[in-house]
Protein backbone atom coordinates (compact mmCIF):
# COMPACT_ATOMS: atom_id res chain seq x y z
CA UNK A 1 0.91 -15.87 -6.33
CA UNK A 2 2.36 -19.08 -4.99
CA UNK A 3 1.08 -20.94 -1.94
CA UNK A 4 4.03 -19.78 0.18
CA UNK A 5 3.70 -16.16 -0.84
CA UNK A 6 4.15 -13.43 1.77
CA UNK A 7 1.00 -11.69 0.59
CA UNK A 8 -2.18 -13.09 2.05
CA UNK A 9 -5.76 -13.49 0.98
CA UNK A 10 -8.30 -12.04 3.41
CA UNK A 11 -9.97 -15.48 3.29
CA UNK A 12 -6.76 -17.16 4.45
CA UNK A 13 -6.05 -14.70 7.24
CA UNK A 14 -9.74 -14.44 8.22
CA UNK A 15 -9.34 -10.79 9.16
CA UNK A 16 -11.84 -8.12 8.36
CA UNK A 17 -12.97 -8.67 4.80
CA UNK A 18 -14.34 -5.15 4.30
CA UNK A 19 -12.80 -1.75 4.45
CA UNK A 20 -13.41 0.23 7.60
CA UNK A 21 -16.39 2.57 7.70
CA UNK A 22 -15.66 5.91 6.07
CA UNK A 23 -17.45 9.19 5.62
CA UNK A 24 -20.10 9.38 2.91
CA UNK A 25 -17.66 11.25 0.63
CA UNK A 26 -16.84 9.46 -2.63
CA UNK A 27 -13.44 7.79 -2.90
CA UNK A 28 -11.35 6.58 -5.81
CA UNK A 29 -9.73 3.16 -5.56
CA UNK A 30 -6.22 3.77 -6.94
CA UNK A 31 -4.59 1.30 -9.30
CA UNK A 32 -1.84 -0.62 -7.48
CA UNK A 33 0.98 -2.95 -8.51
CA UNK A 34 2.48 -5.21 -5.83
CA UNK A 35 5.84 -6.80 -6.52
CA UNK A 36 7.20 -9.55 -4.27
CA UNK A 37 10.95 -10.13 -4.07
CA UNK A 38 13.21 -12.15 -1.79
CA UNK A 39 13.70 -8.99 0.29
CA UNK A 40 10.02 -8.06 0.74
CA UNK A 41 7.17 -6.26 -1.01
CA UNK A 42 7.12 -3.17 -3.18
CA UNK A 43 3.74 -1.53 -3.66
CA UNK A 44 3.28 1.13 -6.35
CA UNK A 45 0.02 3.11 -6.22
CA UNK A 46 -1.16 5.58 -8.86
CA UNK A 47 -2.47 8.63 -6.97
CA UNK A 48 -2.18 11.65 -9.28
CA UNK A 49 -3.11 15.02 -7.82
CA UNK A 50 -2.16 14.10 -4.27
CA UNK A 51 0.55 15.85 -2.28
CA UNK A 52 2.81 14.61 0.51
CA UNK A 53 0.98 16.63 3.17
CA UNK A 54 -2.40 15.10 2.18
CA UNK A 55 -1.10 11.51 2.14
CA UNK A 56 -1.63 9.07 5.01
CA UNK A 57 -0.09 5.59 4.83
CA UNK A 58 -0.32 3.41 7.93
CA UNK A 59 -0.43 -0.17 9.17
CA UNK A 60 -2.65 -1.24 12.03
CA UNK A 61 -3.53 -4.81 13.04
CA UNK A 62 -2.11 -6.22 9.79
CA UNK A 63 -4.09 -3.82 7.56
CA UNK A 64 -2.17 -1.41 5.31
CA UNK A 65 -4.24 1.71 4.57
CA UNK A 66 -3.53 4.33 1.91
CA UNK A 67 -5.58 7.52 2.21
CA UNK A 68 -4.67 10.45 -0.07
CA UNK A 69 -6.43 13.77 -0.38
CA UNK A 70 -6.28 15.65 -3.69
CA UNK A 71 -6.20 19.34 -4.45
CA UNK A 72 -9.55 20.58 -5.72
CA UNK A 73 -8.14 23.82 -7.10
CA UNK A 74 -7.35 24.04 -10.77
CA UNK A 75 -5.88 27.05 -12.56
CA UNK A 76 -8.32 29.04 -14.66
CA UNK A 77 -12.10 28.91 -14.87
CA UNK A 78 -13.61 25.51 -15.71
CA UNK A 79 -15.66 25.70 -18.92
CA UNK A 80 -16.55 22.02 -19.26
CA UNK A 81 -15.74 19.07 -17.02
CA UNK A 82 -16.50 15.34 -17.26
CA UNK A 83 -14.70 14.12 -14.18
CA UNK A 84 -14.32 15.28 -10.63
CA UNK A 85 -11.46 14.92 -8.22
CA UNK A 86 -11.97 12.71 -5.20
CA UNK A 87 -9.65 11.42 -2.47
CA UNK A 88 -7.98 8.02 -2.88
CA UNK A 89 -8.54 5.17 -0.45
CA UNK A 90 -7.29 1.57 -0.48
CA UNK A 91 -6.63 -1.15 2.11
CA UNK A 92 -4.62 -4.37 2.01
CA UNK A 93 -4.07 -7.20 4.43
CA UNK A 94 -0.32 -7.74 4.89
CA UNK A 95 1.60 -10.64 6.35
CA UNK A 96 3.25 -10.65 9.75
CA UNK A 97 6.53 -11.83 8.17
CA UNK A 98 7.01 -8.27 6.87
CA UNK A 99 8.93 -5.79 9.01
CA UNK A 100 6.41 -2.96 9.19
CA UNK A 101 8.76 -0.83 11.30
CA UNK A 102 11.28 -0.59 8.43
CA UNK A 103 8.76 0.32 5.72
CA UNK A 104 9.62 3.33 3.53
CA UNK A 105 7.40 5.41 1.26
CA UNK A 106 8.18 7.83 -1.57
CA UNK A 107 5.77 10.02 -3.55
CA UNK A 108 6.98 11.23 -6.95
CA UNK A 109 4.92 12.48 -9.92
CA UNK A 110 1.70 10.94 -8.59
CA UNK A 111 3.24 7.52 -7.87
CA UNK A 112 3.46 6.27 -4.30
CA UNK A 113 6.20 3.65 -3.89
CA UNK A 114 6.01 1.76 -0.62
CA UNK A 115 8.70 -0.77 0.29
CA UNK A 116 8.13 -3.19 3.15
CA UNK A 117 11.08 -5.53 3.81
CA UNK A 118 10.79 -9.04 5.19
CA UNK A 119 11.60 -9.47 8.86
CA UNK A 120 15.08 -10.93 9.38
CA UNK A 121 13.56 -14.09 10.90
CA UNK A 122 11.51 -14.69 7.73
CA UNK A 123 14.42 -14.33 5.29
CA UNK A 124 16.00 -17.53 4.06
CA UNK A 125 19.48 -18.07 5.38
CA UNK A 126 22.18 -20.52 4.55
CA UNK A 127 23.55 -22.68 7.35
CA UNK A 128 27.22 -23.45 7.09
CA UNK A 129 28.12 -27.10 7.50
CA UNK A 130 31.40 -27.74 9.30
CA UNK A 131 33.50 -30.84 8.78
CA UNK A 132 34.64 -32.47 12.01
């Protein structure tokens, strides 16, 4: 991203560079796309198998955390299995120029779409020039 991007490197912000301590349970790091527009950020996370009631998305001290539990029940009797289900966990450092209070999230078909708009003060605005 560009030097004046609204996303930040943890090195630039000098916040915690590691994820918070979690239980010893295994976690899956979901694949995420982050799209920056003039209006803010859109984050799309791939979290198949998770349901709305098992999903926790929050922001605290500039850290966005996605924690999603998955259903361990499958129909039928497993005969052979090469993978196991595990909860999803991912953290991102987000800029203060984003309006965290107006963030919205939608979960559809295993895709979490999180939209975080820019704060009004951070949006570019045109100043009208008057002729005297």
